[in-house]
Amino acid sequence: MQFSVTYERVTEESAEHGEAEETGFELKGVSLREAYDFLRWNGGHCEPSDSTLGPHSWLKFYGEQDFRDGSHTNYGLHFPRNLTASTRRRIARVFHCYNVR
């Protein structure tokens, strides 16, 4: 299965305008294990993009503030389209995401 991890870097200036300073793909077409290993070290607390974890949902990981420039880098884990809702929920629980039952 092919997972993707995206990122958004938010600075104080970009937050004032309601936008991210920089966005893109951190990892593309990787296994769940590869995504897990990356997010375990780089991601912060996790929550789903919506309460249903439907086919267009993702998991959002809130990063810590970079003490050098004050920016935050957040990550998103995007599921393959063919996963069932129960599989998406199980994956979310592996990452200890909030509000997932």
PDB file of N, CA and C in Angstrom:
ATOM      1  N   MET A   1       0.834  -1.181   0.000  1.00  0.00           N
ATOM      2  CA  MET A   1       0.000   0.000   0.000  1.00  0.00           C
ATOM      3  C   MET A   1       0.872   1.235   0.000  1.00  0.00           C
ATOM      4  N   GLN A   2       0.408   2.245  -0.643  1.00  0.00           N
ATOM      5  CA  GLN A   2       1.170   3.472  -0.809  1.00  0.00           C
ATOM      6  C   GLN A   2       0.584   4.599   0.049  1.00  0.00           C
ATOM      7  N   PHE A   3       1.358   5.061   1.009  1.00  0.00           N
ATOM      8  CA  PHE A   3       0.980   6.175   1.865  1.00  0.00           C
ATOM      9  C   PHE A   3       1.814   7.390   1.480  1.00  0.00           C
ATOM     10  N   SER A   4       1.318   8.572   1.830  1.00  0.00           N
ATOM     11  CA  SER A   4       2.070   9.810   1.607  1.00  0.00           C
ATOM     12  C   SER A   4       2.070  10.618   2.894  1.00  0.00           C
ATOM     13  N   VAL A   5       3.150  11.353   3.091  1.00  0.00           N
ATOM     14  CA  VAL A   5       3.258  12.270   4.221  1.00  0.00           C
ATOM     15  C   VAL A   5       3.511  13.657   3.651  1.00  0.00           C
ATOM     16  N   THR A   6       2.629  14.589   3.976  1.00  0.00           N
ATOM     17  CA  THR A   6       2.780  15.977   3.547  1.00  0.00           C
ATOM     18  C   THR A   6       3.227  16.823   4.733  1.00  0.00           C
ATOM     19  N   TYR A   7       3.672  18.028   4.440  1.00  0.00           N
ATOM     20  CA  TYR A   7       4.064  18.939   5.511  1.00  0.00           C
ATOM     21  C   TYR A   7       3.556  20.338   5.220  1.00  0.00           C
ATOM     22  N   GLU A   8       3.430  21.107   6.281  1.00  0.00           N
ATOM     23  CA  GLU A   8       3.167  22.545   6.155  1.00  0.00           C
ATOM     24  C   GLU A   8       3.987  23.242   7.232  1.00  0.00           C
ATOM     25  N   ARG A   9       4.712  24.241   6.816  1.00  0.00           N
ATOM     26  CA  ARG A   9       5.524  25.023   7.737  1.00  0.00           C
ATOM     27  C   ARG A   9       4.834  26.372   7.913  1.00  0.00           C
ATOM     28  N   VAL A  10       4.507  26.677   9.166  1.00  0.00           N
ATOM     29  CA  VAL A  10       3.782  27.904   9.475  1.00  0.00           C
ATOM     30  C   VAL A  10       4.675  28.814  10.314  1.00  0.00           C
ATOM     31  N   THR A  11       4.863  30.038   9.836  1.00  0.00           N
ATOM     32  CA  THR A  11       5.620  31.043  10.588  1.00  0.00           C
ATOM     33  C   THR A  11       4.633  32.024  11.214  1.00  0.00           C
ATOM     34  N   GLU A  12       5.131  32.861  12.095  1.00  0.00           N
ATOM     35  CA  GLU A  12       4.246  33.875  12.696  1.00  0.00           C
ATOM     36  C   GLU A  12       3.656  34.781  11.617  1.00  0.00           C
ATOM     37  N   GLU A  13       4.479  35.152  10.637  1.00  0.00           N
ATOM     38  CA  GLU A  13       4.012  36.039   9.577  1.00  0.00           C
ATOM     39  C   GLU A  13       2.943  35.356   8.704  1.00  0.00           C
ATOM     40  N   SER A  14       3.175  34.094   8.349  1.00  0.00           N
ATOM     41  CA  SER A  14       2.196  33.409   7.501  1.00  0.00           C
ATOM     42  C   SER A  14       0.901  33.134   8.270  1.00  0.00           C
ATOM     43  N   ALA A  15       1.016  32.891   9.569  1.00  0.00           N
ATOM     44  CA  ALA A  15      -0.182  32.653  10.389  1.00  0.00           C
ATOM     45  C   ALA A  15      -1.055  33.900  10.455  1.00  0.00           C
ATOM     46  N   GLU A  16      -0.436  35.067  10.457  1.00  0.00           N
ATOM     47  CA  GLU A  16      -1.204  36.318  10.460  1.00  0.00           C
ATOM     48  C   GLU A  16      -2.080  36.437   9.220  1.00  0.00           C
ATOM     49  N   HIS A  17      -1.655  35.820   8.123  1.00  0.00           N
ATOM     50  CA  HIS A  17      -2.407  35.851   6.873  1.00  0.00           C
ATOM     51  C   HIS A  17      -3.251  34.596   6.685  1.00  0.00           C
ATOM     52  N   GLY A  18      -3.243  33.699   7.678  1.00  0.00           N
ATOM     53  CA  GLY A  18      -4.043  32.480   7.609  1.00  0.00           C
ATOM     54  C   GLY A  18      -3.525  31.458   6.618  1.00  0.00           C
ATOM     55  N   GLU A  19      -2.224  31.474   6.368  1.00  0.00           N
ATOM     56  CA  GLU A  19      -1.643  30.576   5.380  1.00  0.00           C
ATOM     57  C   GLU A  19      -0.388  29.914   5.935  1.00  0.00           C
ATOM     58  N   ALA A  20       0.054  28.887   5.236  1.00  0.00           N
ATOM     59  CA  ALA A  20       1.333  28.255   5.556  1.00  0.00           C
ATOM     60  C   ALA A  20       2.427  28.918   4.730  1.00  0.00           C
ATOM     61  N   GLU A  21       3.605  29.014   5.285  1.00  0.00           N
ATOM     62  CA  GLU A  21       4.757  29.571   4.570  1.00  0.00           C
ATOM     63  C   GLU A  21       5.199  28.642   3.445  1.00  0.00           C
ATOM     64  N   GLU A  22       5.136  27.321   3.727  1.00  0.00           N
ATOM     65  CA  GLU A  22       5.630  26.335   2.766  1.00  0.00           C
ATOM     66  C   GLU A  22       4.841  25.042   2.946  1.00  0.00           C
ATOM     67  N   THR A  23       4.509  24.373   1.846  1.00  0.00           N
ATOM     68  CA  THR A  23       3.813  23.084   1.897  1.00  0.00           C
ATOM     69  C   THR A  23       4.395  22.154   0.833  1.00  0.00           C
ATOM     70  N   GLY A  24       4.178  20.864   1.020  1.00  0.00           N
ATOM     71  CA  GLY A  24       4.639  19.912   0.014  1.00  0.00           C
ATOM     72  C   GLY A  24       4.619  18.492   0.530  1.00  0.00           C
ATOM     73  N   PHE A  25       5.213  17.598  -0.228  1.00  0.00           N
ATOM     74  CA  PHE A  25       5.318  16.195   0.151  1.00  0.00           C
ATOM     75  C   PHE A  25       6.647  15.943   0.838  1.00  0.00           C
ATOM     76  N   GLU A  26       6.587  15.345   2.003  1.00  0.00           N
ATOM     77  CA  GLU A  26       7.793  14.906   2.692  1.00  0.00           C
ATOM     78  C   GLU A  26       8.171  13.506   2.208  1.00  0.00           C
ATOM     79  N   LEU A  27       7.160  12.625   2.124  1.00  0.00           N
ATOM     80  CA  LEU A  27       7.335  11.257   1.628  1.00  0.00           C
ATOM     81  C   LEU A  27       6.173  10.948   0.696  1.00  0.00           C
ATOM     82  N   LYS A  28       6.450  10.238  -0.382  1.00  0.00           N
ATOM     83  CA  LYS A  28       5.396   9.930  -1.340  1.00  0.00           C
ATOM     84  C   LYS A  28       5.511   8.461  -1.742  1.00  0.00           C
ATOM     85  N   GLY A  29       4.382   7.729  -1.707  1.00  0.00           N
ATOM     86  CA  GLY A  29       4.371   6.340  -2.143  1.00  0.00           C
ATOM     87  C   GLY A  29       5.179   5.410  -1.263  1.00  0.00           C
ATOM     88  N   VAL A  30       5.077   5.596   0.054  1.00  0.00           N
ATOM     89  CA  VAL A  30       5.859   4.777   0.981  1.00  0.00           C
ATOM     90  C   VAL A  30       4.956   3.787   1.713  1.00  0.00           C
ATOM     91  N   SER A  31       5.573   2.824   2.365  1.00  0.00           N
ATOM     92  CA  SER A  31       4.823   1.853   3.167  1.00  0.00           C
ATOM     93  C   SER A  31       4.374   2.514   4.470  1.00  0.00           C
ATOM     94  N   LEU A  32       3.413   1.890   5.128  1.00  0.00           N
ATOM     95  CA  LEU A  32       2.969   2.386   6.424  1.00  0.00           C
ATOM     96  C   LEU A  32       4.124   2.388   7.404  1.00  0.00           C
ATOM     97  N   ARG A  33       4.969   1.376   7.360  1.00  0.00           N
ATOM     98  CA  ARG A  33       6.121   1.294   8.263  1.00  0.00           C
ATOM     99  C   ARG A  33       7.064   2.482   8.067  1.00  0.00           C
ATOM    100  N   GLU A  34       7.337   2.842   6.808  1.00  0.00           N
ATOM    101  CA  GLU A  34       8.208   3.983   6.531  1.00  0.00           C
ATOM    102  C   GLU A  34       7.580   5.286   7.038  1.00  0.00           C
ATOM    103  N   ALA A  35       6.290   5.446   6.812  1.00  0.00           N
ATOM    104  CA  ALA A  35       5.590   6.636   7.294  1.00  0.00           C
ATOM    105  C   ALA A  35       5.593   6.667   8.821  1.00  0.00           C
ATOM    106  N   TYR A  36       5.347   5.517   9.443  1.00  0.00           N
ATOM    107  CA  TYR A  36       5.342   5.436  10.907  1.00  0.00           C
ATOM    108  C   TYR A  36       6.708   5.830  11.468  1.00  0.00           C
ATOM    109  N   ASP A  37       7.770   5.278  10.909  1.00  0.00           N
ATOM    110  CA  ASP A  37       9.116   5.588  11.397  1.00  0.00           C
ATOM    111  C   ASP A  37       9.416   7.081  11.288  1.00  0.00           C
ATOM    112  N   PHE A  38       9.017   7.707  10.191  1.00  0.00           N
ATOM    113  CA  PHE A  38       9.245   9.146  10.021  1.00  0.00           C
ATOM    114  C   PHE A  38       8.428   9.946  11.039  1.00  0.00           C
ATOM    115  N   LEU A  39       7.129   9.632  11.141  1.00  0.00           N
ATOM    116  CA  LEU A  39       6.249  10.424  12.006  1.00  0.00           C
ATOM    117  C   LEU A  39       6.528  10.191  13.482  1.00  0.00           C
ATOM    118  N   ARG A  40       7.039   9.023  13.819  1.00  0.00           N
ATOM    119  CA  ARG A  40       7.373   8.741  15.219  1.00  0.00           C
ATOM    120  C   ARG A  40       8.428   9.728  15.715  1.00  0.00           C
ATOM    121  N   TRP A  41       9.359  10.118  14.849  1.00  0.00           N
ATOM    122  CA  TRP A  41      10.432  11.030  15.240  1.00  0.00           C
ATOM    123  C   TRP A  41      10.127  12.483  14.937  1.00  0.00           C
ATOM    124  N   ASN A  42       9.269  12.747  13.971  1.00  0.00           N
ATOM    125  CA  ASN A  42       9.050  14.128  13.532  1.00  0.00           C
ATOM    126  C   ASN A  42       7.669  14.677  13.852  1.00  0.00           C
ATOM    127  N   GLY A  43       6.690  13.805  14.030  1.00  0.00           N
ATOM    128  CA  GLY A  43       5.330  14.265  14.274  1.00  0.00           C
ATOM    129  C   GLY A  43       5.092  14.527  15.753  1.00  0.00           C
ATOM    130  N   GLY A  44       4.106  15.343  16.030  1.00  0.00           N
ATOM    131  CA  GLY A  44       3.699  15.602  17.407  1.00  0.00           C
ATOM    132  C   GLY A  44       2.414  14.851  17.692  1.00  0.00           C
ATOM    133  N   HIS A  45       1.533  15.493  18.486  1.00  0.00           N
ATOM    134  CA  HIS A  45       0.273  14.815  18.768  1.00  0.00           C
ATOM    135  C   HIS A  45      -0.565  14.750  17.492  1.00  0.00           C
ATOM    136  N   CYS A  46      -1.438  13.762  17.442  1.00  0.00           N
ATOM    137  CA  CYS A  46      -2.147  13.415  16.216  1.00  0.00           C
ATOM    138  C   CYS A  46      -3.653  13.533  16.409  1.00  0.00           C
ATOM    139  N   GLU A  47      -4.332  13.971  15.368  1.00  0.00           N
ATOM    140  CA  GLU A  47      -5.796  13.919  15.334  1.00  0.00           C
ATOM    141  C   GLU A  47      -6.256  13.753  13.895  1.00  0.00           C
ATOM    142  N   PRO A  48      -7.440  13.152  13.706  1.00  0.00           N
ATOM    143  CA  PRO A  48      -7.950  12.961  12.344  1.00  0.00           C
ATOM    144  C   PRO A  48      -8.439  14.282  11.755  1.00  0.00           C
ATOM    145  N   SER A  49      -8.439  14.354  10.421  1.00  0.00           N
ATOM    146  CA  SER A  49      -8.911  15.567   9.758  1.00  0.00           C
ATOM    147  C   SER A  49     -10.415  15.761   9.932  1.00  0.00           C
ATOM    148  N   ASP A  50     -11.151  14.670  10.143  1.00  0.00           N
ATOM    149  CA  ASP A  50     -12.576  14.758  10.452  1.00  0.00           C
ATOM    150  C   ASP A  50     -12.982  13.550  11.288  1.00  0.00           C
ATOM    151  N   SER A  51     -14.142  13.612  11.885  1.00  0.00           N
ATOM    152  CA  SER A  51     -14.553  12.578  12.839  1.00  0.00           C
ATOM    153  C   SER A  51     -14.930  11.251  12.186  1.00  0.00           C
ATOM    154  N   THR A  52     -15.191  11.244  10.881  1.00  0.00           N
ATOM    155  CA  THR A  52     -15.632  10.007  10.240  1.00  0.00           C
ATOM    156  C   THR A  52     -14.484   9.150   9.722  1.00  0.00           C
ATOM    157  N   LEU A  53     -13.320   9.765   9.542  1.00  0.00           N
ATOM    158  CA  LEU A  53     -12.185   9.089   8.908  1.00  0.00           C
ATOM    159  C   LEU A  53     -12.613   8.421   7.602  1.00  0.00           C
ATOM    160  N   GLY A  54     -13.312   9.194   6.792  1.00  0.00           N
ATOM    161  CA  GLY A  54     -13.799   8.702   5.504  1.00  0.00           C
ATOM    162  C   GLY A  54     -12.675   8.583   4.483  1.00  0.00           C
ATOM    163  N   PRO A  55     -13.021   8.255   3.236  1.00  0.00           N
ATOM    164  CA  PRO A  55     -12.013   7.998   2.205  1.00  0.00           C
ATOM    165  C   PRO A  55     -11.145   9.211   1.856  1.00  0.00           C
ATOM    166  N   HIS A  56     -11.589  10.409   2.186  1.00  0.00           N
ATOM    167  CA  HIS A  56     -10.805  11.613   1.880  1.00  0.00           C
ATOM    168  C   HIS A  56     -10.182  12.220   3.128  1.00  0.00           C
ATOM    169  N   SER A  57     -10.145  11.468   4.208  1.00  0.00           N
ATOM    170  CA  SER A  57      -9.582  11.936   5.471  1.00  0.00           C
ATOM    171  C   SER A  57      -8.087  11.659   5.543  1.00  0.00           C
ATOM    172  N   TRP A  58      -7.441  12.313   6.461  1.00  0.00           N
ATOM    173  CA  TRP A  58      -6.025  12.075   6.733  1.00  0.00           C
ATOM    174  C   TRP A  58      -5.790  12.289   8.217  1.00  0.00           C
ATOM    175  N   LEU A  59      -4.604  11.960   8.675  1.00  0.00           N
ATOM    176  CA  LEU A  59      -4.222  12.198  10.066  1.00  0.00           C
ATOM    177  C   LEU A  59      -3.279  13.390  10.092  1.00  0.00           C
ATOM    178  N   LYS A  60      -3.530  14.315  11.016  1.00  0.00           N
ATOM    179  CA  LYS A  60      -2.693  15.503  11.120  1.00  0.00           C
ATOM    180  C   LYS A  60      -1.847  15.408  12.379  1.00  0.00           C
ATOM    181  N   PHE A  61      -0.551  15.658  12.233  1.00  0.00           N
ATOM    182  CA  PHE A  61       0.411  15.614  13.331  1.00  0.00           C
ATOM    183  C   PHE A  61       0.935  17.029  13.548  1.00  0.00           C
ATOM    184  N   TYR A  62       0.732  17.549  14.751  1.00  0.00           N
ATOM    185  CA  TYR A  62       1.134  18.914  15.069  1.00  0.00           C
ATOM    186  C   TYR A  62       2.549  18.915  15.628  1.00  0.00           C
ATOM    187  N   GLY A  63       3.452  19.562  14.914  1.00  0.00           N
ATOM    188  CA  GLY A  63       4.849  19.610  15.330  1.00  0.00           C
ATOM    189  C   GLY A  63       5.089  20.662  16.400  1.00  0.00           C
ATOM    190  N   GLU A  64       6.245  20.550  17.007  1.00  0.00           N
ATOM    191  CA  GLU A  64       6.643  21.509  18.030  1.00  0.00           C
ATOM    192  C   GLU A  64       7.216  22.761  17.381  1.00  0.00           C
ATOM    193  N   GLN A  65       7.307  23.809  18.152  1.00  0.00           N
ATOM    194  CA  GLN A  65       7.841  25.065  17.647  1.00  0.00           C
ATOM    195  C   GLN A  65       9.358  24.967  17.510  1.00  0.00           C
ATOM    196  N   ASP A  66       9.863  25.468  16.397  1.00  0.00           N
ATOM    197  CA  ASP A  66      11.302  25.549  16.169  1.00  0.00           C
ATOM    198  C   ASP A  66      11.810  26.776  16.934  1.00  0.00           C
ATOM    199  N   PHE A  67      12.665  26.548  17.911  1.00  0.00           N
ATOM    200  CA  PHE A  67      13.121  27.651  18.752  1.00  0.00           C
ATOM    201  C   PHE A  67      13.991  28.659  17.989  1.00  0.00           C
ATOM    202  N   ARG A  68      14.540  28.256  16.840  1.00  0.00           N
ATOM    203  CA  ARG A  68      15.412  29.163  16.086  1.00  0.00           C
ATOM    204  C   ARG A  68      14.635  30.261  15.378  1.00  0.00           C
ATOM    205  N   ASP A  69      13.493  29.898  14.758  1.00  0.00           N
ATOM    206  CA  ASP A  69      12.757  30.913  13.985  1.00  0.00           C
ATOM    207  C   ASP A  69      11.285  31.036  14.380  1.00  0.00           C
ATOM    208  N   GLY A  70      10.844  30.250  15.358  1.00  0.00           N
ATOM    209  CA  GLY A  70       9.463  30.343  15.835  1.00  0.00           C
ATOM    210  C   GLY A  70       8.440  29.641  14.974  1.00  0.00           C
ATOM    211  N   SER A  71       8.875  28.943  13.932  1.00  0.00           N
ATOM    212  CA  SER A  71       7.927  28.275  13.033  1.00  0.00           C
ATOM    213  C   SER A  71       7.476  26.928  13.602  1.00  0.00           C
ATOM    214  N   HIS A  72       6.365  26.448  13.083  1.00  0.00           N
ATOM    215  CA  HIS A  72       5.843  25.114  13.398  1.00  0.00           C
ATOM    216  C   HIS A  72       5.775  24.330  12.089  1.00  0.00           C
ATOM    217  N   THR A  73       6.170  23.067  12.123  1.00  0.00           N
ATOM    218  CA  THR A  73       6.008  22.204  10.960  1.00  0.00           C
ATOM    219  C   THR A  73       5.046  21.091  11.337  1.00  0.00           C
ATOM    220  N   ASN A  74       3.930  21.034  10.630  1.00  0.00           N
ATOM    221  CA  ASN A  74       2.916  20.006  10.853  1.00  0.00           C
ATOM    222  C   ASN A  74       2.960  19.019   9.700  1.00  0.00           C
ATOM    223  N   TYR A  75       2.561  17.785   9.980  1.00  0.00           N
ATOM    224  CA  TYR A  75       2.593  16.728   8.966  1.00  0.00           C
ATOM    225  C   TYR A  75       1.222  16.105   8.810  1.00  0.00           C
ATOM    226  N   GLY A  76       0.955  15.566   7.634  1.00  0.00           N
ATOM    227  CA  GLY A  76      -0.287  14.846   7.365  1.00  0.00           C
ATOM    228  C   GLY A  76       0.018  13.473   6.799  1.00  0.00           C
ATOM    229  N   LEU A  77      -0.630  12.443   7.344  1.00  0.00           N
ATOM    230  CA  LEU A  77      -0.520  11.090   6.801  1.00  0.00           C
ATOM    231  C   LEU A  77      -1.751  10.844   5.949  1.00  0.00           C
ATOM    232  N   HIS A  78      -1.540  10.609   4.668  1.00  0.00           N
ATOM    233  CA  HIS A  78      -2.633  10.398   3.722  1.00  0.00           C
ATOM    234  C   HIS A  78      -2.732   8.917   3.386  1.00  0.00           C
ATOM    235  N   PHE A  79      -3.948   8.395   3.526  1.00  0.00           N
ATOM    236  CA  PHE A  79      -4.218   6.967   3.329  1.00  0.00           C
ATOM    237  C   PHE A  79      -4.400   6.625   1.854  1.00  0.00           C
ATOM    238  N   PRO A  80      -4.093   5.384   1.477  1.00  0.00           N
ATOM    239  CA  PRO A  80      -4.490   4.920   0.147  1.00  0.00           C
ATOM    240  C   PRO A  80      -6.016   4.918   0.053  1.00  0.00           C
ATOM    241  N   ARG A  81      -6.562   5.184  -1.089  1.00  0.00           N
ATOM    242  CA  ARG A  81      -8.020   5.297  -1.268  1.00  0.00           C
ATOM    243  C   ARG A  81      -8.770   3.991  -0.994  1.00  0.00           C
ATOM    244  N   ASN A  82      -8.115   2.852  -1.166  1.00  0.00           N
ATOM    245  CA  ASN A  82      -8.824   1.575  -1.052  1.00  0.00           C
ATOM    246  C   ASN A  82      -8.925   1.039   0.376  1.00  0.00           C
ATOM    247  N   LEU A  83      -8.501   1.785   1.379  1.00  0.00           N
ATOM    248  CA  LEU A  83      -8.610   1.303   2.754  1.00  0.00           C
ATOM    249  C   LEU A  83     -10.038   1.424   3.266  1.00  0.00           C
ATOM    250  N   THR A  84     -10.450   0.465   4.053  1.00  0.00           N
ATOM    251  CA  THR A  84     -11.772   0.539   4.681  1.00  0.00           C
ATOM    252  C   THR A  84     -11.724   1.501   5.860  1.00  0.00           C
ATOM    253  N   ALA A  85     -12.892   1.946   6.287  1.00  0.00           N
ATOM    254  CA  ALA A  85     -12.977   2.853   7.436  1.00  0.00           C
ATOM    255  C   ALA A  85     -12.394   2.202   8.689  1.00  0.00           C
ATOM    256  N   SER A  86     -12.654   0.917   8.878  1.00  0.00           N
ATOM    257  CA  SER A  86     -12.128   0.247  10.075  1.00  0.00           C
ATOM    258  C   SER A  86     -10.599   0.170  10.039  1.00  0.00           C
ATOM    259  N   THR A  87     -10.019  -0.014   8.872  1.00  0.00           N
ATOM    260  CA  THR A  87      -8.554  -0.032   8.754  1.00  0.00           C
ATOM    261  C   THR A  87      -7.980   1.349   9.040  1.00  0.00           C
ATOM    262  N   ARG A  88      -8.635   2.401   8.533  1.00  0.00           N
ATOM    263  CA  ARG A  88      -8.167   3.761   8.824  1.00  0.00           C
ATOM    264  C   ARG A  88      -8.228   4.043  10.318  1.00  0.00           C
ATOM    265  N   ARG A  89      -9.283   3.587  10.992  1.00  0.00           N
ATOM    266  CA  ARG A  89      -9.392   3.782  12.443  1.00  0.00           C
ATOM    267  C   ARG A  89      -8.298   3.015  13.186  1.00  0.00           C
ATOM    268  N   ARG A  90      -8.007   1.789  12.748  1.00  0.00           N
ATOM    269  CA  ARG A  90      -6.939   1.006  13.402  1.00  0.00           C
ATOM    270  C   ARG A  90      -5.591   1.710  13.255  1.00  0.00           C
ATOM    271  N   ILE A  91      -5.317   2.227  12.075  1.00  0.00           N
ATOM    272  CA  ILE A  91      -4.062   2.948  11.862  1.00  0.00           C
ATOM    273  C   ILE A  91      -4.012   4.184  12.754  1.00  0.00           C
ATOM    274  N   ALA A  92      -5.111   4.906  12.854  1.00  0.00           N
ATOM    275  CA  ALA A  92      -5.159   6.092  13.719  1.00  0.00           C
ATOM    276  C   ALA A  92      -4.879   5.724  15.173  1.00  0.00           C
ATOM    277  N   ARG A  93      -5.392   4.591  15.618  1.00  0.00           N
ATOM    278  CA  ARG A  93      -5.135   4.157  16.994  1.00  0.00           C
ATOM    279  C   ARG A  93      -3.668   3.785  17.200  1.00  0.00           C
ATOM    280  N   VAL A  94      -3.027   3.222  16.178  1.00  0.00           N
ATOM    281  CA  VAL A  94      -1.594   2.912  16.267  1.00  0.00           C
ATOM    282  C   VAL A  94      -0.806   4.189  16.549  1.00  0.00           C
ATOM    283  N   PHE A  95      -1.229   5.295  15.950  1.00  0.00           N
ATOM    284  CA  PHE A  95      -0.564   6.574  16.149  1.00  0.00           C
ATOM    285  C   PHE A  95      -1.071   7.324  17.391  1.00  0.00           C
ATOM    286  N   HIS A  96      -1.963   6.717  18.149  1.00  0.00           N
ATOM    287  CA  HIS A  96      -2.536   7.312  19.367  1.00  0.00           C
ATOM    288  C   HIS A  96      -3.228   8.649  19.074  1.00  0.00           C
ATOM    289  N   CYS A  97      -3.967   8.690  17.976  1.00  0.00           N
ATOM    290  CA  CYS A  97      -4.678   9.912  17.604  1.00  0.00           C
ATOM    291  C   CYS A  97      -5.827  10.176  18.561  1.00  0.00           C
ATOM    292  N   TYR A  98      -6.036  11.437  18.846  1.00  0.00           N
ATOM    293  CA  TYR A  98      -7.167  11.869  19.684  1.00  0.00           C
ATOM    294  C   TYR A  98      -8.483  11.672  18.932  1.00  0.00           C
ATOM    295  N   ASN A  99      -9.539  11.445  19.681  1.00  0.00           N
ATOM    296  CA  ASN A  99     -10.903  11.372  19.144  1.00  0.00           C
ATOM    297  C   ASN A  99     -11.126  10.258  18.121  1.00  0.00           C
ATOM    298  N   VAL A 100     -10.438   9.138  18.279  1.00  0.00           N
ATOM    299  CA  VAL A 100     -10.649   7.984  17.395  1.00  0.00           C
ATOM    300  C   VAL A 100     -11.062   6.822  18.263  1.00  0.00           C
ATOM    301  N   ARG A 101     -12.177   6.201  17.880  1.00  0.00           N
ATOM    302  CA  ARG A 101     -12.670   5.048  18.659  1.00  0.00           C
ATOM    303  C   ARG A 101     -12.706   3.822  17.815  1.00  0.00           C
TER     304      ARG A 101
END
